[in-house]
């Protein structure tokens, strides 16, 4: 059980890192196009080095933004949470039309922002996955399996305090998402469902 959990964390971390690389590549080519377009519109012809340095500077800012966003929120934000979302009260046909036009601009901007944000966020998520692995020591696997069997046999919501002797194993089961848990009323309550077919 623990071994399969650890393998899953590593596999997920690898996929997240690949997603991060892809995100950074998309961001690089997008900002490279923007830098060249802006320089041409102002009548300048940037050298290859200057354009690349400009793009790397922008990507550095994107990375900083992603790290600060992770620290404050920990994940992507929804369209409604973003500063791009604007919803006028549709009390007239004019307001409805303005809403439509605004969302045609802000929706692609939101999607691009999420793609760029995926670069640093996926790196942080990958690190979190690696840290989520469990070190197997001694008979830990047997103890965790035994704790799961005890909880499955009872098949009801109960306080973790009812199982003082196996609290560590229960916490590992929660970490591996092998049991359901709730923290309502300030107390950790847990439930394990019987294996399928029982």
N, C-alpha and C. Protein backbone atom coordinates (compact mmCIF):
# COMPACT_ATOMS: atom_id res chain seq x y z
N UNK A 1 0.82 -1.20 0.00
CA UNK A 1 0.00 0.00 0.00
C UNK A 1 0.87 1.27 0.00
N UNK A 2 1.86 1.31 0.90
CA UNK A 2 2.74 2.48 0.98
C UNK A 2 3.60 2.58 -0.27
N UNK A 3 4.10 1.43 -0.74
CA UNK A 3 4.95 1.43 -1.93
C UNK A 3 4.19 1.97 -3.14
N UNK A 4 2.95 1.53 -3.32
CA UNK A 4 2.16 2.00 -4.46
C UNK A 4 1.85 3.49 -4.33
N UNK A 5 1.63 3.94 -3.09
CA UNK A 5 1.40 5.37 -2.84
C UNK A 5 2.64 6.17 -3.25
N UNK A 6 3.82 5.70 -2.84
CA UNK A 6 5.06 6.41 -3.17
C UNK A 6 5.31 6.45 -4.67
N UNK A 7 5.05 5.33 -5.34
CA UNK A 7 5.22 5.28 -6.80
C UNK A 7 4.29 6.28 -7.48
N UNK A 8 3.05 6.32 -7.01
CA UNK A 8 2.07 7.25 -7.57
C UNK A 8 2.54 8.70 -7.41
N UNK A 9 3.10 9.02 -6.25
CA UNK A 9 3.57 10.39 -6.01
C UNK A 9 4.71 10.75 -6.98
N UNK A 10 5.62 9.82 -7.19
CA UNK A 10 6.75 10.08 -8.10
C UNK A 10 6.26 10.24 -9.53
N UNK A 11 5.35 9.36 -9.97
CA UNK A 11 4.80 9.43 -11.33
C UNK A 11 4.08 10.76 -11.54
N UNK A 12 3.26 11.15 -10.57
CA UNK A 12 2.55 12.43 -10.66
C UNK A 12 3.52 13.59 -10.71
N UNK A 13 4.60 13.52 -9.93
CA UNK A 13 5.61 14.59 -9.91
C UNK A 13 6.27 14.72 -11.29
N UNK A 14 6.55 13.58 -11.94
CA UNK A 14 7.16 13.61 -13.28
C UNK A 14 6.21 14.26 -14.28
N UNK A 15 4.94 13.87 -14.26
CA UNK A 15 3.97 14.47 -15.18
C UNK A 15 3.81 15.97 -14.92
N UNK A 16 3.82 16.37 -13.65
CA UNK A 16 3.72 17.80 -13.32
C UNK A 16 4.93 18.57 -13.85
N UNK A 17 6.12 17.98 -13.73
CA UNK A 17 7.32 18.64 -14.24
C UNK A 17 7.27 18.76 -15.77
N UNK A 18 6.76 17.73 -16.45
CA UNK A 18 6.60 17.80 -17.90
C UNK A 18 5.60 18.89 -18.27
N UNK A 19 4.51 18.98 -17.50
CA UNK A 19 3.52 20.04 -17.73
C UNK A 19 4.12 21.41 -17.51
N UNK A 20 4.98 21.53 -16.51
CA UNK A 20 5.64 22.80 -16.23
C UNK A 20 6.53 23.22 -17.40
N UNK A 21 7.30 22.27 -17.92
CA UNK A 21 8.19 22.56 -19.06
C UNK A 21 7.37 23.02 -20.26
N UNK A 22 6.26 22.32 -20.53
CA UNK A 22 5.39 22.70 -21.65
C UNK A 22 4.83 24.10 -21.46
N UNK A 23 4.41 24.39 -20.23
CA UNK A 23 3.87 25.71 -19.91
C UNK A 23 4.90 26.81 -20.15
N UNK A 24 6.13 26.57 -19.69
CA UNK A 24 7.19 27.55 -19.90
C UNK A 24 7.52 27.74 -21.38
N UNK A 25 7.45 26.65 -22.16
CA UNK A 25 7.71 26.76 -23.60
C UNK A 25 6.64 27.61 -24.29
N UNK A 26 5.37 27.37 -23.93
CA UNK A 26 4.27 28.17 -24.49
C UNK A 26 4.45 29.63 -24.11
N UNK A 27 4.77 29.88 -22.84
CA UNK A 27 4.97 31.25 -22.37
C UNK A 27 6.15 31.91 -23.10
N UNK A 28 7.23 31.16 -23.29
CA UNK A 28 8.41 31.70 -23.97
C UNK A 28 8.07 32.17 -25.38
N UNK A 29 7.43 31.29 -26.14
CA UNK A 29 7.12 31.65 -27.53
C UNK A 29 6.08 32.75 -27.60
N UNK A 30 5.12 32.76 -26.68
CA UNK A 30 4.10 33.82 -26.68
C UNK A 30 4.76 35.18 -26.41
N UNK A 31 5.57 35.25 -25.35
CA UNK A 31 6.19 36.53 -25.00
C UNK A 31 7.25 36.95 -26.02
N UNK A 32 7.88 35.99 -26.66
CA UNK A 32 8.83 36.31 -27.72
C UNK A 32 8.11 37.00 -28.87
N UNK A 33 6.94 36.47 -29.22
CA UNK A 33 6.13 37.08 -30.28
C UNK A 33 5.70 38.48 -29.87
N UNK A 34 5.26 38.63 -28.61
CA UNK A 34 4.80 39.93 -28.11
C UNK A 34 5.94 40.94 -28.12
N UNK A 35 7.13 40.52 -27.65
CA UNK A 35 8.28 41.43 -27.62
C UNK A 35 8.65 41.89 -29.02
N UNK A 36 8.70 40.95 -29.98
CA UNK A 36 9.03 41.33 -31.35
C UNK A 36 7.96 42.25 -31.94
N UNK A 37 6.69 41.95 -31.68
CA UNK A 37 5.60 42.77 -32.22
C UNK A 37 5.65 44.18 -31.66
N UNK A 38 5.88 44.30 -30.34
CA UNK A 38 5.94 45.62 -29.72
C UNK A 38 7.15 46.42 -30.23
N UNK A 39 8.29 45.74 -30.35
CA UNK A 39 9.48 46.44 -30.82
C UNK A 39 9.30 46.95 -32.25
N UNK A 40 8.65 46.14 -33.10
CA UNK A 40 8.41 46.56 -34.48
C UNK A 40 7.41 47.71 -34.55
N UNK A 41 6.38 47.65 -33.68
CA UNK A 41 5.38 48.72 -33.69
C UNK A 41 5.97 50.05 -33.25
N UNK A 42 7.05 50.02 -32.45
CA UNK A 42 7.72 51.25 -32.02
C UNK A 42 8.91 51.59 -32.92
N UNK A 43 9.09 50.83 -33.98
CA UNK A 43 10.13 51.13 -34.95
C UNK A 43 11.52 50.65 -34.58
N UNK A 44 11.61 49.70 -33.64
CA UNK A 44 12.91 49.15 -33.24
C UNK A 44 13.05 47.73 -33.76
N UNK A 45 14.26 47.35 -34.05
CA UNK A 45 14.54 45.97 -34.43
C UNK A 45 15.47 45.39 -33.37
N UNK A 46 14.89 44.62 -32.44
CA UNK A 46 15.67 44.05 -31.36
C UNK A 46 16.59 42.94 -31.88
N UNK A 47 17.77 42.87 -31.31
CA UNK A 47 18.67 41.76 -31.65
C UNK A 47 18.14 40.48 -30.99
N UNK A 48 18.65 39.37 -31.47
CA UNK A 48 18.24 38.07 -30.91
C UNK A 48 18.53 38.00 -29.42
N UNK A 49 19.68 38.50 -29.01
CA UNK A 49 20.08 38.48 -27.59
C UNK A 49 19.17 39.34 -26.75
N UNK A 50 18.88 40.56 -27.22
CA UNK A 50 18.02 41.48 -26.47
C UNK A 50 16.62 40.93 -26.32
N UNK A 51 16.10 40.33 -27.41
CA UNK A 51 14.75 39.76 -27.36
C UNK A 51 14.70 38.60 -26.37
N UNK A 52 15.71 37.73 -26.42
CA UNK A 52 15.74 36.58 -25.50
C UNK A 52 15.85 37.03 -24.05
N UNK A 53 16.71 38.01 -23.79
CA UNK A 53 16.86 38.53 -22.43
C UNK A 53 15.55 39.13 -21.92
N UNK A 54 14.85 39.83 -22.80
CA UNK A 54 13.56 40.43 -22.42
C UNK A 54 12.56 39.34 -22.05
N UNK A 55 12.53 38.30 -22.86
CA UNK A 55 11.59 37.20 -22.60
C UNK A 55 11.95 36.48 -21.30
N UNK A 56 13.25 36.24 -21.07
CA UNK A 56 13.67 35.58 -19.84
C UNK A 56 13.32 36.42 -18.61
N UNK A 57 13.42 37.73 -18.76
CA UNK A 57 13.03 38.63 -17.67
C UNK A 57 11.54 38.51 -17.37
N UNK A 58 10.73 38.44 -18.42
CA UNK A 58 9.28 38.28 -18.24
C UNK A 58 8.97 36.94 -17.58
N UNK A 59 9.65 35.88 -18.03
CA UNK A 59 9.42 34.55 -17.45
C UNK A 59 9.84 34.52 -15.97
N UNK A 60 10.89 35.27 -15.64
CA UNK A 60 11.31 35.36 -14.24
C UNK A 60 10.20 36.01 -13.40
N UNK A 61 9.57 37.06 -13.95
CA UNK A 61 8.46 37.73 -13.25
C UNK A 61 7.26 36.80 -13.13
N UNK A 62 7.00 36.02 -14.19
CA UNK A 62 5.90 35.04 -14.15
C UNK A 62 6.16 34.01 -13.04
N UNK A 63 7.42 33.56 -12.94
CA UNK A 63 7.79 32.59 -11.92
C UNK A 63 7.61 33.17 -10.52
N UNK A 64 8.07 34.39 -10.32
CA UNK A 64 7.87 35.06 -9.02
C UNK A 64 6.39 35.18 -8.68
N UNK A 65 5.61 35.57 -9.67
CA UNK A 65 4.16 35.70 -9.47
C UNK A 65 3.56 34.36 -9.07
N UNK A 66 4.00 33.29 -9.73
CA UNK A 66 3.49 31.95 -9.40
C UNK A 66 3.84 31.53 -7.99
N UNK A 67 5.07 31.82 -7.56
CA UNK A 67 5.49 31.46 -6.21
C UNK A 67 4.71 32.25 -5.15
N UNK A 68 4.50 33.54 -5.39
CA UNK A 68 3.72 34.34 -4.44
C UNK A 68 2.26 33.90 -4.42
N UNK A 69 1.73 33.53 -5.61
CA UNK A 69 0.36 33.04 -5.68
C UNK A 69 0.21 31.74 -4.90
N UNK A 70 1.20 30.85 -5.03
CA UNK A 70 1.19 29.58 -4.30
C UNK A 70 1.21 29.82 -2.80
N UNK A 71 2.02 30.78 -2.39
CA UNK A 71 2.14 31.08 -0.96
C UNK A 71 0.83 31.62 -0.40
N UNK A 72 0.13 32.42 -1.18
CA UNK A 72 -1.12 33.04 -0.71
C UNK A 72 -2.33 32.15 -0.88
N UNK A 73 -2.39 31.43 -2.00
CA UNK A 73 -3.59 30.64 -2.30
C UNK A 73 -3.32 29.15 -2.41
N UNK A 74 -2.17 28.79 -2.96
CA UNK A 74 -1.80 27.39 -3.04
C UNK A 74 -2.24 26.65 -4.28
N UNK A 75 -3.01 27.32 -5.16
CA UNK A 75 -3.48 26.62 -6.35
C UNK A 75 -3.92 27.64 -7.38
N UNK A 76 -4.43 27.15 -8.52
CA UNK A 76 -4.95 28.03 -9.54
C UNK A 76 -6.18 28.78 -9.01
N UNK A 77 -6.49 29.89 -9.60
CA UNK A 77 -7.72 30.61 -9.24
C UNK A 77 -8.75 30.42 -10.35
N UNK A 78 -10.01 30.45 -9.96
CA UNK A 78 -11.07 30.29 -10.96
C UNK A 78 -11.27 31.60 -11.72
N UNK A 79 -11.98 31.53 -12.81
CA UNK A 79 -12.26 32.72 -13.62
C UNK A 79 -12.97 33.78 -12.79
N UNK A 80 -13.90 33.34 -11.94
CA UNK A 80 -14.66 34.29 -11.14
C UNK A 80 -13.80 34.95 -10.06
N UNK A 81 -12.73 34.28 -9.65
CA UNK A 81 -11.83 34.85 -8.64
C UNK A 81 -10.80 35.79 -9.26
N UNK A 82 -10.62 35.68 -10.58
CA UNK A 82 -9.58 36.49 -11.22
C UNK A 82 -10.02 37.94 -11.36
N UNK A 83 -9.05 38.82 -11.50
CA UNK A 83 -9.35 40.23 -11.70
C UNK A 83 -9.92 40.52 -13.08
N UNK A 84 -9.93 39.50 -13.95
CA UNK A 84 -10.44 39.68 -15.31
C UNK A 84 -11.95 39.53 -15.39
N UNK A 85 -12.55 38.92 -14.35
CA UNK A 85 -13.99 38.66 -14.41
C UNK A 85 -14.76 39.93 -14.10
N UNK A 86 -15.65 40.27 -14.97
CA UNK A 86 -16.52 41.43 -14.75
C UNK A 86 -17.91 41.06 -15.24
N UNK A 87 -18.89 41.18 -14.39
CA UNK A 87 -20.24 40.80 -14.77
C UNK A 87 -21.20 41.94 -14.45
N UNK A 88 -21.60 42.65 -15.50
CA UNK A 88 -22.55 43.75 -15.31
C UNK A 88 -23.95 43.19 -15.10
N UNK A 89 -24.75 43.91 -14.33
CA UNK A 89 -26.15 43.51 -14.18
C UNK A 89 -26.83 43.63 -15.53
N UNK A 90 -27.33 42.50 -16.02
CA UNK A 90 -27.91 42.49 -17.37
C UNK A 90 -29.36 42.96 -17.32
N UNK A 91 -29.51 44.27 -17.07
CA UNK A 91 -30.86 44.83 -16.98
C UNK A 91 -31.31 45.39 -18.32
N UNK A 92 -30.41 45.39 -19.29
CA UNK A 92 -30.76 45.90 -20.60
C UNK A 92 -30.00 45.12 -21.66
N UNK A 93 -30.44 45.28 -22.90
CA UNK A 93 -29.77 44.61 -24.01
C UNK A 93 -28.35 45.13 -24.17
N UNK A 94 -28.15 46.42 -23.88
CA UNK A 94 -26.83 47.03 -23.98
C UNK A 94 -25.84 46.41 -22.99
N UNK A 95 -26.31 46.23 -21.74
CA UNK A 95 -25.45 45.63 -20.71
C UNK A 95 -25.11 44.19 -21.07
N UNK A 96 -26.09 43.47 -21.63
CA UNK A 96 -25.85 42.09 -22.05
C UNK A 96 -24.78 42.04 -23.14
N UNK A 97 -24.88 42.97 -24.11
CA UNK A 97 -23.92 43.02 -25.21
C UNK A 97 -22.52 43.38 -24.71
N UNK A 98 -22.44 44.31 -23.76
CA UNK A 98 -21.14 44.69 -23.19
C UNK A 98 -20.52 43.50 -22.47
N UNK A 99 -21.34 42.76 -21.70
CA UNK A 99 -20.85 41.56 -21.02
C UNK A 99 -20.25 40.57 -22.01
N UNK A 100 -20.97 40.36 -23.11
CA UNK A 100 -20.49 39.42 -24.13
C UNK A 100 -19.14 39.85 -24.69
N UNK A 101 -19.01 41.13 -25.03
CA UNK A 101 -17.78 41.65 -25.61
C UNK A 101 -16.62 41.60 -24.61
N UNK A 102 -16.91 41.93 -23.37
CA UNK A 102 -15.87 41.91 -22.34
C UNK A 102 -15.34 40.50 -22.14
N UNK A 103 -16.26 39.53 -22.07
CA UNK A 103 -15.84 38.15 -21.83
C UNK A 103 -15.10 37.54 -23.02
N UNK A 104 -15.36 38.05 -24.21
CA UNK A 104 -14.62 37.58 -25.38
C UNK A 104 -13.15 37.97 -25.29
N UNK A 105 -12.86 39.04 -24.57
CA UNK A 105 -11.48 39.49 -24.40
C UNK A 105 -10.86 38.87 -23.14
N UNK A 106 -11.63 38.91 -22.04
CA UNK A 106 -11.06 38.48 -20.76
C UNK A 106 -10.92 36.96 -20.64
N UNK A 107 -11.78 36.20 -21.30
CA UNK A 107 -11.69 34.74 -21.20
C UNK A 107 -10.38 34.21 -21.79
N UNK A 108 -10.01 34.61 -23.03
CA UNK A 108 -8.70 34.15 -23.55
C UNK A 108 -7.53 34.64 -22.69
N UNK A 109 -7.64 35.87 -22.15
CA UNK A 109 -6.58 36.39 -21.29
C UNK A 109 -6.46 35.55 -20.02
N UNK A 110 -7.62 35.14 -19.48
CA UNK A 110 -7.61 34.29 -18.28
C UNK A 110 -6.96 32.94 -18.59
N UNK A 111 -7.31 32.35 -19.72
CA UNK A 111 -6.76 31.03 -20.09
C UNK A 111 -5.24 31.12 -20.27
N UNK A 112 -4.78 32.18 -20.95
CA UNK A 112 -3.33 32.35 -21.12
C UNK A 112 -2.65 32.54 -19.77
N UNK A 113 -3.27 33.33 -18.89
CA UNK A 113 -2.71 33.54 -17.55
C UNK A 113 -2.57 32.23 -16.78
N UNK A 114 -3.57 31.35 -16.91
CA UNK A 114 -3.52 30.06 -16.23
C UNK A 114 -2.42 29.16 -16.80
N UNK A 115 -2.25 29.23 -18.13
CA UNK A 115 -1.19 28.44 -18.77
C UNK A 115 0.18 28.90 -18.28
N UNK A 116 0.38 30.23 -18.22
CA UNK A 116 1.66 30.77 -17.76
C UNK A 116 1.89 30.43 -16.29
N UNK A 117 0.83 30.52 -15.50
CA UNK A 117 0.93 30.25 -14.06
C UNK A 117 1.23 28.77 -13.79
N UNK A 118 0.84 27.91 -14.74
CA UNK A 118 1.08 26.46 -14.56
C UNK A 118 2.56 26.14 -14.46
N UNK A 119 3.42 26.94 -15.11
CA UNK A 119 4.86 26.68 -15.05
C UNK A 119 5.38 26.58 -13.63
N UNK A 120 5.31 27.68 -12.87
CA UNK A 120 5.80 27.60 -11.48
C UNK A 120 4.92 26.76 -10.56
N UNK A 121 3.60 26.79 -10.77
CA UNK A 121 2.72 26.03 -9.88
C UNK A 121 2.94 24.53 -10.01
N UNK A 122 3.15 24.06 -11.22
CA UNK A 122 3.38 22.62 -11.40
C UNK A 122 4.70 22.18 -10.77
N UNK A 123 5.71 23.06 -10.80
CA UNK A 123 6.97 22.73 -10.13
C UNK A 123 6.73 22.57 -8.63
N UNK A 124 5.98 23.51 -8.05
CA UNK A 124 5.70 23.45 -6.61
C UNK A 124 4.84 22.25 -6.26
N UNK A 125 3.88 21.93 -7.13
CA UNK A 125 3.05 20.74 -6.90
C UNK A 125 3.89 19.47 -6.98
N UNK A 126 4.86 19.44 -7.91
CA UNK A 126 5.73 18.28 -8.04
C UNK A 126 6.57 18.11 -6.77
N UNK A 127 7.09 19.21 -6.25
CA UNK A 127 7.86 19.14 -5.01
C UNK A 127 6.98 18.63 -3.87
N UNK A 128 5.74 19.10 -3.84
CA UNK A 128 4.80 18.66 -2.80
C UNK A 128 4.54 17.16 -2.91
N UNK A 129 4.43 16.66 -4.14
CA UNK A 129 4.22 15.21 -4.35
C UNK A 129 5.40 14.40 -3.83
N UNK A 130 6.61 14.87 -4.14
CA UNK A 130 7.81 14.17 -3.68
C UNK A 130 7.86 14.16 -2.15
N UNK A 131 7.51 15.29 -1.53
CA UNK A 131 7.52 15.38 -0.07
C UNK A 131 6.40 14.54 0.56
N UNK A 132 5.40 14.20 -0.23
CA UNK A 132 4.25 13.44 0.27
C UNK A 132 4.54 11.93 0.34
N UNK A 133 5.72 11.53 -0.11
CA UNK A 133 6.08 10.11 -0.01
C UNK A 133 6.27 9.73 1.46
N UNK A 134 6.07 8.47 1.74
CA UNK A 134 6.17 7.96 3.12
C UNK A 134 7.39 7.04 3.22
N UNK A 135 8.20 7.29 4.23
CA UNK A 135 9.37 6.44 4.47
C UNK A 135 8.92 5.16 5.18
N UNK A 136 9.22 4.03 4.58
CA UNK A 136 8.83 2.74 5.17
C UNK A 136 9.92 2.29 6.13
N UNK A 137 9.54 2.12 7.38
CA UNK A 137 10.48 1.67 8.41
C UNK A 137 9.90 0.48 9.14
N UNK A 138 10.71 -0.56 9.29
CA UNK A 138 10.29 -1.74 10.05
C UNK A 138 9.01 -2.35 9.52
N UNK A 139 8.05 -2.56 10.44
CA UNK A 139 6.78 -3.21 10.07
C UNK A 139 5.67 -2.20 9.81
N UNK A 140 6.04 -0.99 9.36
CA UNK A 140 5.05 0.07 9.16
C UNK A 140 3.94 -0.35 8.20
N UNK A 141 4.31 -1.02 7.12
CA UNK A 141 3.31 -1.47 6.13
C UNK A 141 2.28 -2.38 6.79
N UNK A 142 2.74 -3.32 7.60
CA UNK A 142 1.84 -4.26 8.28
C UNK A 142 0.94 -3.51 9.25
N UNK A 143 1.50 -2.55 10.00
CA UNK A 143 0.72 -1.78 10.97
C UNK A 143 -0.36 -0.94 10.28
N UNK A 144 -0.01 -0.37 9.15
CA UNK A 144 -0.99 0.45 8.41
C UNK A 144 -2.12 -0.44 7.87
N UNK A 145 -1.76 -1.59 7.32
CA UNK A 145 -2.77 -2.53 6.81
C UNK A 145 -3.68 -2.99 7.95
N UNK A 146 -3.11 -3.25 9.11
CA UNK A 146 -3.88 -3.69 10.27
C UNK A 146 -4.83 -2.60 10.75
N UNK A 147 -4.34 -1.35 10.78
CA UNK A 147 -5.19 -0.23 11.19
C UNK A 147 -6.35 -0.05 10.22
N UNK A 148 -6.08 -0.20 8.93
CA UNK A 148 -7.14 -0.08 7.92
C UNK A 148 -8.19 -1.16 8.12
N UNK A 149 -7.75 -2.39 8.41
CA UNK A 149 -8.68 -3.50 8.63
C UNK A 149 -9.58 -3.23 9.83
N UNK A 150 -9.02 -2.66 10.90
CA UNK A 150 -9.80 -2.33 12.10
C UNK A 150 -10.88 -1.32 11.76
N UNK A 151 -10.51 -0.27 11.03
CA UNK A 151 -11.47 0.78 10.67
C UNK A 151 -12.52 0.27 9.69
N UNK A 152 -12.11 -0.58 8.76
CA UNK A 152 -13.06 -1.13 7.79
C UNK A 152 -14.08 -2.02 8.48
N UNK A 153 -13.64 -2.73 9.47
CA UNK A 153 -14.54 -3.62 10.19
C UNK A 153 -15.63 -2.83 10.92
N UNK A 154 -15.27 -1.66 11.45
CA UNK A 154 -16.25 -0.84 12.18
C UNK A 154 -17.17 -0.10 11.23
N UNK A 155 -16.66 0.33 10.07
CA UNK A 155 -17.49 0.91 9.00
C UNK A 155 -18.44 2.00 9.51
N UNK A 156 -17.90 2.98 10.24
CA UNK A 156 -18.72 4.10 10.72
C UNK A 156 -17.82 5.29 11.00
N UNK A 157 -18.43 6.47 11.06
CA UNK A 157 -17.68 7.67 11.41
C UNK A 157 -17.34 7.61 12.90
N UNK A 158 -16.08 7.90 13.20
CA UNK A 158 -15.64 7.85 14.59
C UNK A 158 -14.49 8.83 14.81
N UNK A 159 -14.25 9.16 16.04
CA UNK A 159 -13.17 10.08 16.38
C UNK A 159 -11.84 9.36 16.34
N UNK A 160 -10.81 10.08 15.91
CA UNK A 160 -9.46 9.50 15.92
C UNK A 160 -9.03 9.20 17.35
N UNK A 161 -9.62 9.91 18.32
CA UNK A 161 -9.28 9.69 19.73
C UNK A 161 -9.75 8.32 20.22
N UNK A 162 -10.66 7.69 19.47
CA UNK A 162 -11.11 6.35 19.84
C UNK A 162 -10.04 5.30 19.54
N UNK A 163 -9.00 5.70 18.83
CA UNK A 163 -7.95 4.77 18.42
C UNK A 163 -6.58 5.36 18.77
N UNK A 164 -6.38 5.63 20.04
CA UNK A 164 -5.15 6.30 20.49
C UNK A 164 -3.89 5.51 20.12
N UNK A 165 -3.98 4.20 20.10
CA UNK A 165 -2.78 3.38 19.86
C UNK A 165 -2.36 3.33 18.40
N UNK A 166 -3.25 3.71 17.48
CA UNK A 166 -2.92 3.64 16.05
C UNK A 166 -3.12 4.98 15.35
N UNK A 167 -3.02 6.06 16.09
CA UNK A 167 -3.25 7.38 15.50
C UNK A 167 -2.25 7.70 14.37
N UNK A 168 -1.00 7.32 14.55
CA UNK A 168 0.00 7.59 13.50
C UNK A 168 -0.36 6.86 12.21
N UNK A 169 -0.74 5.60 12.35
CA UNK A 169 -1.13 4.80 11.18
C UNK A 169 -2.38 5.39 10.50
N UNK A 170 -3.30 5.88 11.31
CA UNK A 170 -4.51 6.50 10.76
C UNK A 170 -4.15 7.76 9.98
N UNK A 171 -3.23 8.55 10.52
CA UNK A 171 -2.79 9.76 9.81
C UNK A 171 -2.17 9.40 8.46
N UNK A 172 -1.43 8.31 8.40
CA UNK A 172 -0.85 7.86 7.14
C UNK A 172 -1.94 7.42 6.17
N UNK A 173 -2.96 6.76 6.68
CA UNK A 173 -4.09 6.34 5.83
C UNK A 173 -4.81 7.56 5.26
N UNK A 174 -4.95 8.60 6.08
CA UNK A 174 -5.55 9.84 5.59
C UNK A 174 -4.66 10.45 4.51
N UNK A 175 -3.36 10.48 4.75
CA UNK A 175 -2.40 11.02 3.79
C UNK A 175 -2.46 10.27 2.46
N UNK A 176 -2.66 8.96 2.53
CA UNK A 176 -2.73 8.14 1.32
C UNK A 176 -4.13 8.11 0.72
N UNK A 177 -5.07 8.82 1.36
CA UNK A 177 -6.47 8.88 0.90
C UNK A 177 -7.13 7.51 0.85
N UNK A 178 -6.79 6.68 1.84
CA UNK A 178 -7.38 5.35 1.95
C UNK A 178 -8.65 5.38 2.80
N UNK A 179 -8.82 6.46 3.56
CA UNK A 179 -10.02 6.61 4.39
C UNK A 179 -10.54 8.04 4.27
N UNK A 180 -11.82 8.21 4.55
CA UNK A 180 -12.42 9.54 4.56
C UNK A 180 -12.17 10.19 5.91
N UNK A 181 -12.10 11.51 5.90
CA UNK A 181 -11.93 12.22 7.17
C UNK A 181 -12.69 13.53 7.15
N UNK A 182 -13.01 14.01 8.33
CA UNK A 182 -13.71 15.28 8.49
C UNK A 182 -13.17 15.98 9.73
N UNK A 183 -13.10 17.30 9.68
CA UNK A 183 -12.61 18.05 10.84
C UNK A 183 -13.68 18.98 11.39
N UNK A 184 -14.94 18.64 11.19
CA UNK A 184 -16.02 19.45 11.73
C UNK A 184 -15.97 19.46 13.25
N UNK A 185 -16.37 20.59 13.81
CA UNK A 185 -16.40 20.80 15.26
C UNK A 185 -15.00 20.66 15.88
N UNK A 186 -13.96 20.89 15.08
CA UNK A 186 -12.60 20.91 15.60
C UNK A 186 -12.03 19.55 15.98
N UNK A 187 -12.69 18.48 15.55
CA UNK A 187 -12.21 17.14 15.89
C UNK A 187 -12.06 16.31 14.63
N UNK A 188 -10.95 15.61 14.53
CA UNK A 188 -10.73 14.76 13.35
C UNK A 188 -11.55 13.49 13.48
N UNK A 189 -12.47 13.33 12.51
CA UNK A 189 -13.29 12.12 12.48
C UNK A 189 -12.96 11.36 11.20
N UNK A 190 -13.00 10.03 11.30
CA UNK A 190 -12.56 9.20 10.19
C UNK A 190 -13.56 8.09 9.92
N UNK A 191 -13.49 7.61 8.67
CA UNK A 191 -14.32 6.45 8.32
C UNK A 191 -13.63 5.69 7.20
N UNK A 192 -13.57 4.37 7.34
CA UNK A 192 -13.03 3.49 6.30
C UNK A 192 -14.16 2.58 5.83
N UNK A 193 -14.32 2.50 4.54
CA UNK A 193 -15.37 1.65 3.98
C UNK A 193 -14.83 0.24 3.78
N UNK A 194 -15.68 -0.76 3.96
CA UNK A 194 -15.23 -2.17 3.75
C UNK A 194 -14.73 -2.37 2.34
N UNK A 195 -13.83 -3.33 2.13
CA UNK A 195 -13.35 -3.61 0.76
C UNK A 195 -14.52 -3.97 -0.14
N UNK A 196 -14.36 -3.71 -1.43
CA UNK A 196 -15.41 -4.03 -2.39
C UNK A 196 -15.74 -5.51 -2.36
N UNK A 197 -17.02 -5.78 -2.44
CA UNK A 197 -17.47 -7.18 -2.45
C UNK A 197 -17.79 -7.73 -1.08
N UNK A 198 -17.63 -6.88 -0.04
CA UNK A 198 -17.93 -7.37 1.32
C UNK A 198 -19.19 -6.69 1.82
